[in-house]
């Protein structure tokens, strides 16, 4: 099973060539792909602050997930517990919750973020 980080999700929505061929193949062939609910939250905040220019609203992003068989993973208290024990390598709170989610669920994190791969979490790019 796989979980997309926020950039990978955005790039998949935009069909951006920054998305690796490996991740594209996983998205095309796997039914066990997730995004964190925190990803939608991060996108909403970045759109509000002008840090992200994405035409899709939250409801449209949810529909894209449904259409593309991407599951939305709810936030669980055990993720927050995990965060408290993680080293402060990466200080972005959204990335930290996505990392904690991947670790707790035993999912492979689809990311090219060089800070994330410093954690004890399986990654693919």
N, C-alpha and C. Protein backbone atom coordinates (compact mmCIF):
# COMPACT_ATOMS: atom_id res chain seq x y z
N UNK A 1 0.83 -1.18 0.00
CA UNK A 1 0.00 0.00 0.00
C UNK A 1 0.88 1.24 0.00
N UNK A 2 0.34 2.30 -0.54
CA UNK A 2 1.10 3.52 -0.78
C UNK A 2 0.34 4.74 -0.28
N UNK A 3 1.12 5.76 0.13
CA UNK A 3 0.54 7.06 0.46
C UNK A 3 1.35 8.14 -0.27
N UNK A 4 0.64 9.01 -0.94
CA UNK A 4 1.26 10.10 -1.69
C UNK A 4 1.56 11.27 -0.75
N UNK A 5 2.72 11.88 -0.90
CA UNK A 5 2.90 13.15 -0.20
C UNK A 5 2.16 14.23 -0.98
N UNK A 6 2.07 15.41 -0.44
CA UNK A 6 1.25 16.46 -1.04
C UNK A 6 1.74 16.85 -2.43
N UNK A 7 3.04 17.03 -2.60
CA UNK A 7 3.55 17.40 -3.93
C UNK A 7 3.24 16.31 -4.95
N UNK A 8 3.45 15.07 -4.60
CA UNK A 8 3.17 13.97 -5.53
C UNK A 8 1.69 13.96 -5.91
N UNK A 9 0.82 14.21 -4.93
CA UNK A 9 -0.61 14.25 -5.23
C UNK A 9 -0.93 15.40 -6.19
N UNK A 10 -0.41 16.58 -5.90
CA UNK A 10 -0.67 17.74 -6.77
C UNK A 10 -0.15 17.46 -8.18
N UNK A 11 1.07 16.92 -8.28
CA UNK A 11 1.63 16.63 -9.59
C UNK A 11 0.80 15.59 -10.34
N UNK A 12 0.22 14.63 -9.60
CA UNK A 12 -0.62 13.63 -10.27
C UNK A 12 -1.91 14.28 -10.77
N UNK A 13 -2.48 15.19 -9.99
CA UNK A 13 -3.70 15.89 -10.40
C UNK A 13 -3.44 16.73 -11.65
N UNK A 14 -2.28 17.38 -11.69
CA UNK A 14 -1.94 18.27 -12.79
C UNK A 14 -1.31 17.53 -13.98
N UNK A 15 -1.09 16.22 -13.81
CA UNK A 15 -0.39 15.44 -14.84
C UNK A 15 0.95 16.10 -15.16
N UNK A 16 1.64 16.51 -14.10
CA UNK A 16 2.90 17.24 -14.20
C UNK A 16 4.05 16.26 -14.47
N UNK A 17 4.95 16.58 -15.38
CA UNK A 17 6.08 15.69 -15.66
C UNK A 17 7.05 15.55 -14.48
N UNK A 18 6.89 16.36 -13.43
CA UNK A 18 7.73 16.19 -12.23
C UNK A 18 7.43 14.87 -11.53
N UNK A 19 6.23 14.32 -11.77
CA UNK A 19 5.87 13.04 -11.17
C UNK A 19 6.71 11.95 -11.83
N UNK A 20 7.36 11.14 -11.03
CA UNK A 20 8.24 10.11 -11.60
C UNK A 20 7.43 9.05 -12.35
N UNK A 21 8.10 8.40 -13.28
CA UNK A 21 7.46 7.31 -14.02
C UNK A 21 7.06 6.18 -13.08
N UNK A 22 7.89 5.92 -12.08
CA UNK A 22 7.59 4.87 -11.11
C UNK A 22 6.30 5.16 -10.37
N UNK A 23 6.14 6.39 -9.90
CA UNK A 23 4.91 6.76 -9.18
C UNK A 23 3.72 6.75 -10.13
N UNK A 24 3.90 7.22 -11.35
CA UNK A 24 2.82 7.17 -12.34
C UNK A 24 2.36 5.75 -12.57
N UNK A 25 3.31 4.82 -12.66
CA UNK A 25 2.97 3.40 -12.86
C UNK A 25 2.21 2.85 -11.65
N UNK A 26 2.64 3.23 -10.46
CA UNK A 26 1.94 2.78 -9.24
C UNK A 26 0.51 3.30 -9.25
N UNK A 27 0.34 4.56 -9.57
CA UNK A 27 -1.01 5.15 -9.59
C UNK A 27 -1.89 4.49 -10.65
N UNK A 28 -1.30 4.09 -11.75
CA UNK A 28 -2.08 3.47 -12.82
C UNK A 28 -2.46 2.03 -12.51
N UNK A 29 -1.67 1.36 -11.66
CA UNK A 29 -1.89 -0.06 -11.48
C UNK A 29 -2.25 -0.53 -10.10
N UNK A 30 -2.35 0.35 -9.13
CA UNK A 30 -2.61 -0.09 -7.76
C UNK A 30 -3.90 0.50 -7.23
N UNK A 31 -4.67 -0.34 -6.56
CA UNK A 31 -5.90 0.16 -5.92
C UNK A 31 -5.64 0.59 -4.48
N UNK A 32 -4.45 0.34 -3.99
CA UNK A 32 -4.14 0.64 -2.60
C UNK A 32 -3.28 1.90 -2.49
N UNK A 33 -3.80 3.01 -3.00
CA UNK A 33 -3.10 4.29 -2.92
C UNK A 33 -3.95 5.23 -2.07
N UNK A 34 -3.26 5.95 -1.18
CA UNK A 34 -3.93 6.85 -0.25
C UNK A 34 -3.32 8.24 -0.30
N UNK A 35 -4.08 9.22 0.13
CA UNK A 35 -3.54 10.50 0.55
C UNK A 35 -4.07 10.73 1.96
N UNK A 36 -3.35 11.51 2.71
CA UNK A 36 -3.79 11.88 4.04
C UNK A 36 -4.82 13.00 3.94
N UNK A 37 -5.77 12.99 4.83
CA UNK A 37 -6.70 14.11 4.91
C UNK A 37 -5.92 15.41 5.14
N UNK A 38 -4.76 15.30 5.77
CA UNK A 38 -3.89 16.47 5.99
C UNK A 38 -3.42 17.06 4.67
N UNK A 39 -3.32 16.25 3.62
CA UNK A 39 -2.93 16.77 2.31
C UNK A 39 -3.96 17.77 1.80
N UNK A 40 -5.24 17.43 1.94
CA UNK A 40 -6.29 18.35 1.51
C UNK A 40 -6.28 19.61 2.35
N UNK A 41 -6.00 19.46 3.62
CA UNK A 41 -5.91 20.60 4.54
C UNK A 41 -4.73 21.50 4.12
N UNK A 42 -3.57 20.90 3.83
CA UNK A 42 -2.41 21.67 3.41
C UNK A 42 -2.69 22.42 2.11
N UNK A 43 -3.32 21.76 1.17
CA UNK A 43 -3.65 22.42 -0.10
C UNK A 43 -4.57 23.60 0.13
N UNK A 44 -5.58 23.43 0.97
CA UNK A 44 -6.52 24.53 1.26
C UNK A 44 -5.79 25.72 1.88
N UNK A 45 -4.89 25.45 2.81
CA UNK A 45 -4.16 26.54 3.46
C UNK A 45 -3.24 27.24 2.46
N UNK A 46 -2.53 26.47 1.65
CA UNK A 46 -1.60 27.07 0.68
C UNK A 46 -2.34 27.87 -0.38
N UNK A 47 -3.52 27.41 -0.77
CA UNK A 47 -4.32 28.19 -1.72
C UNK A 47 -4.78 29.50 -1.09
N UNK A 48 -5.19 29.45 0.16
CA UNK A 48 -5.67 30.62 0.88
C UNK A 48 -4.58 31.67 1.04
N UNK A 49 -3.37 31.21 1.32
CA UNK A 49 -2.26 32.14 1.55
C UNK A 49 -1.56 32.57 0.25
N UNK A 50 -2.01 32.03 -0.87
CA UNK A 50 -1.43 32.38 -2.15
C UNK A 50 -0.15 31.64 -2.50
N UNK A 51 0.20 30.61 -1.71
CA UNK A 51 1.41 29.83 -1.97
C UNK A 51 1.19 28.73 -3.00
N UNK A 52 -0.06 28.51 -3.37
CA UNK A 52 -0.37 27.47 -4.34
C UNK A 52 -1.47 27.96 -5.26
N UNK A 53 -1.20 27.90 -6.54
CA UNK A 53 -2.20 28.28 -7.53
C UNK A 53 -2.73 27.00 -8.15
N UNK A 54 -3.82 26.51 -7.63
CA UNK A 54 -4.45 25.28 -8.10
C UNK A 54 -5.92 25.58 -8.30
N UNK A 55 -6.43 25.33 -9.48
CA UNK A 55 -7.81 25.72 -9.78
C UNK A 55 -8.85 24.84 -9.09
N UNK A 56 -8.45 23.65 -8.68
CA UNK A 56 -9.40 22.71 -8.07
C UNK A 56 -9.71 23.09 -6.62
N UNK A 57 -10.99 23.04 -6.26
CA UNK A 57 -11.35 23.24 -4.86
C UNK A 57 -11.33 21.88 -4.15
N UNK A 58 -11.56 21.91 -2.86
CA UNK A 58 -11.47 20.70 -2.06
C UNK A 58 -12.45 19.62 -2.53
N UNK A 59 -13.65 20.02 -2.88
CA UNK A 59 -14.64 19.05 -3.33
C UNK A 59 -14.23 18.42 -4.66
N UNK A 60 -13.63 19.21 -5.52
CA UNK A 60 -13.15 18.68 -6.80
C UNK A 60 -11.97 17.73 -6.58
N UNK A 61 -11.11 18.05 -5.64
CA UNK A 61 -9.99 17.17 -5.32
C UNK A 61 -10.50 15.84 -4.75
N UNK A 62 -11.53 15.92 -3.92
CA UNK A 62 -12.13 14.69 -3.39
C UNK A 62 -12.69 13.84 -4.53
N UNK A 63 -13.34 14.48 -5.49
CA UNK A 63 -13.90 13.76 -6.63
C UNK A 63 -12.80 13.14 -7.49
N UNK A 64 -11.70 13.86 -7.65
CA UNK A 64 -10.56 13.30 -8.38
C UNK A 64 -10.05 12.05 -7.68
N UNK A 65 -9.99 12.10 -6.36
CA UNK A 65 -9.57 10.92 -5.61
C UNK A 65 -10.52 9.75 -5.87
N UNK A 66 -11.79 10.01 -5.85
CA UNK A 66 -12.78 8.96 -6.11
C UNK A 66 -12.58 8.40 -7.52
N UNK A 67 -12.46 9.30 -8.49
CA UNK A 67 -12.32 8.89 -9.88
C UNK A 67 -11.03 8.11 -10.13
N UNK A 68 -9.97 8.47 -9.42
CA UNK A 68 -8.66 7.86 -9.63
C UNK A 68 -8.37 6.72 -8.64
N UNK A 69 -9.37 6.33 -7.86
CA UNK A 69 -9.20 5.26 -6.86
C UNK A 69 -8.11 5.57 -5.84
N UNK A 70 -8.03 6.83 -5.44
CA UNK A 70 -7.12 7.24 -4.37
C UNK A 70 -7.96 7.39 -3.11
N UNK A 71 -7.62 6.63 -2.10
CA UNK A 71 -8.36 6.65 -0.84
C UNK A 71 -7.88 7.80 0.03
N UNK A 72 -8.79 8.40 0.76
CA UNK A 72 -8.43 9.48 1.68
C UNK A 72 -8.35 8.90 3.09
N UNK A 73 -7.15 8.95 3.64
CA UNK A 73 -6.87 8.38 4.95
C UNK A 73 -7.22 9.38 6.04
N UNK A 74 -8.11 9.01 6.96
CA UNK A 74 -8.44 9.94 8.05
C UNK A 74 -7.26 10.09 9.01
N UNK A 75 -7.28 11.16 9.77
CA UNK A 75 -6.26 11.38 10.79
C UNK A 75 -6.62 10.56 12.03
N UNK A 76 -5.63 9.91 12.59
CA UNK A 76 -5.84 9.06 13.77
C UNK A 76 -4.95 9.54 14.91
N UNK A 77 -5.43 9.40 16.13
CA UNK A 77 -4.68 9.87 17.28
C UNK A 77 -3.31 9.23 17.39
N UNK A 78 -3.17 7.98 16.96
CA UNK A 78 -1.87 7.33 17.06
C UNK A 78 -0.83 7.99 16.16
N UNK A 79 -1.27 8.67 15.11
CA UNK A 79 -0.32 9.43 14.27
C UNK A 79 0.27 10.58 15.08
N UNK A 80 -0.57 11.23 15.88
CA UNK A 80 -0.10 12.35 16.69
C UNK A 80 0.86 11.86 17.77
N UNK A 81 0.59 10.68 18.31
CA UNK A 81 1.50 10.09 19.29
C UNK A 81 2.85 9.79 18.63
N UNK A 82 2.82 9.27 17.40
CA UNK A 82 4.04 8.96 16.67
C UNK A 82 4.86 10.23 16.44
N UNK A 83 4.19 11.32 16.07
CA UNK A 83 4.89 12.58 15.80
C UNK A 83 5.70 13.03 17.01
N UNK A 84 5.18 12.81 18.20
CA UNK A 84 5.88 13.24 19.42
C UNK A 84 7.21 12.52 19.60
N UNK A 85 7.35 11.35 18.98
CA UNK A 85 8.57 10.56 19.14
C UNK A 85 9.47 10.61 17.91
N UNK A 86 9.10 11.40 16.92
CA UNK A 86 9.90 11.52 15.71
C UNK A 86 10.95 12.61 15.88
N UNK A 87 12.15 12.38 15.36
CA UNK A 87 13.16 13.46 15.41
C UNK A 87 12.71 14.65 14.57
N UNK A 88 13.22 15.82 14.89
CA UNK A 88 12.83 17.04 14.19
C UNK A 88 13.68 17.27 12.94
N UNK A 89 13.77 16.27 12.11
CA UNK A 89 14.49 16.40 10.84
C UNK A 89 13.68 17.31 9.92
N UNK A 90 12.42 17.03 9.83
CA UNK A 90 11.51 17.78 8.96
C UNK A 90 10.56 18.54 9.86
N UNK A 91 10.48 19.83 9.71
CA UNK A 91 9.66 20.64 10.61
C UNK A 91 8.29 20.99 10.06
N UNK A 92 8.03 20.66 8.80
CA UNK A 92 6.72 20.94 8.21
C UNK A 92 5.67 20.04 8.86
N UNK A 93 4.67 20.62 9.52
CA UNK A 93 3.69 19.79 10.25
C UNK A 93 2.89 18.86 9.33
N UNK A 94 2.64 19.27 8.10
CA UNK A 94 1.88 18.41 7.20
C UNK A 94 2.72 17.22 6.77
N UNK A 95 3.98 17.45 6.47
CA UNK A 95 4.85 16.33 6.11
C UNK A 95 5.02 15.39 7.30
N UNK A 96 5.12 15.94 8.49
CA UNK A 96 5.29 15.09 9.67
C UNK A 96 4.09 14.18 9.89
N UNK A 97 2.88 14.69 9.67
CA UNK A 97 1.70 13.83 9.86
C UNK A 97 1.62 12.78 8.75
N UNK A 98 2.04 13.14 7.55
CA UNK A 98 2.04 12.16 6.46
C UNK A 98 3.09 11.08 6.73
N UNK A 99 4.25 11.47 7.22
CA UNK A 99 5.28 10.50 7.58
C UNK A 99 4.78 9.58 8.68
N UNK A 100 4.20 10.17 9.73
CA UNK A 100 3.67 9.37 10.84
C UNK A 100 2.59 8.41 10.36
N UNK A 101 1.75 8.86 9.46
CA UNK A 101 0.69 8.00 8.91
C UNK A 101 1.29 6.81 8.17
N UNK A 102 2.29 7.08 7.35
CA UNK A 102 2.94 6.01 6.59
C UNK A 102 3.59 5.00 7.52
N UNK A 103 4.28 5.49 8.53
CA UNK A 103 4.95 4.59 9.48
C UNK A 103 3.91 3.75 10.22
N UNK A 104 2.90 4.40 10.77
CA UNK A 104 1.89 3.69 11.57
C UNK A 104 1.09 2.67 10.75
N UNK A 105 0.82 3.00 9.51
CA UNK A 105 0.03 2.09 8.68
C UNK A 105 0.89 1.06 7.94
N UNK A 106 2.20 1.27 7.95
CA UNK A 106 3.09 0.38 7.22
C UNK A 106 3.04 0.58 5.72
N UNK A 107 2.70 1.81 5.28
CA UNK A 107 2.59 2.13 3.87
C UNK A 107 3.93 2.66 3.35
N UNK A 108 4.12 2.53 2.06
CA UNK A 108 5.27 3.12 1.39
C UNK A 108 4.89 4.54 0.97
N UNK A 109 5.76 5.49 1.30
CA UNK A 109 5.49 6.89 1.01
C UNK A 109 6.06 7.25 -0.35
N UNK A 110 5.20 7.77 -1.22
CA UNK A 110 5.60 8.18 -2.56
C UNK A 110 6.01 9.65 -2.49
N UNK A 111 7.33 9.89 -2.49
CA UNK A 111 7.86 11.24 -2.30
C UNK A 111 9.23 11.37 -2.90
N UNK A 112 9.58 12.59 -3.27
CA UNK A 112 10.96 12.89 -3.67
C UNK A 112 11.59 13.88 -2.71
N UNK A 113 10.97 14.09 -1.56
CA UNK A 113 11.45 15.04 -0.55
C UNK A 113 12.66 14.43 0.17
N UNK A 114 13.82 15.06 0.00
CA UNK A 114 15.06 14.53 0.56
C UNK A 114 15.07 14.53 2.10
N UNK A 115 14.26 15.38 2.72
CA UNK A 115 14.18 15.38 4.19
C UNK A 115 13.35 14.20 4.69
N UNK A 116 12.31 13.85 3.97
CA UNK A 116 11.44 12.76 4.39
C UNK A 116 12.18 11.43 4.37
N UNK A 117 13.03 11.23 3.39
CA UNK A 117 13.71 9.93 3.29
C UNK A 117 14.73 9.71 4.40
N UNK A 118 14.98 10.73 5.22
CA UNK A 118 15.88 10.57 6.37
C UNK A 118 15.17 9.86 7.54
N UNK A 119 13.86 9.74 7.46
CA UNK A 119 13.10 9.04 8.50
C UNK A 119 13.09 7.55 8.22
N UNK A 120 12.74 6.79 9.22
CA UNK A 120 12.65 5.35 9.05
C UNK A 120 11.30 4.99 8.46
N UNK A 121 11.11 5.41 7.21
CA UNK A 121 9.88 5.14 6.49
C UNK A 121 10.28 4.70 5.08
N UNK A 122 9.61 3.68 4.57
CA UNK A 122 9.91 3.22 3.22
C UNK A 122 9.37 4.24 2.22
N UNK A 123 10.23 4.62 1.26
CA UNK A 123 9.84 5.59 0.25
C UNK A 123 10.16 5.04 -1.14
N UNK A 124 9.44 5.55 -2.11
CA UNK A 124 9.70 5.27 -3.52
C UNK A 124 9.52 6.57 -4.27
N UNK A 125 10.37 6.78 -5.25
CA UNK A 125 10.18 7.87 -6.18
C UNK A 125 10.58 7.42 -7.55
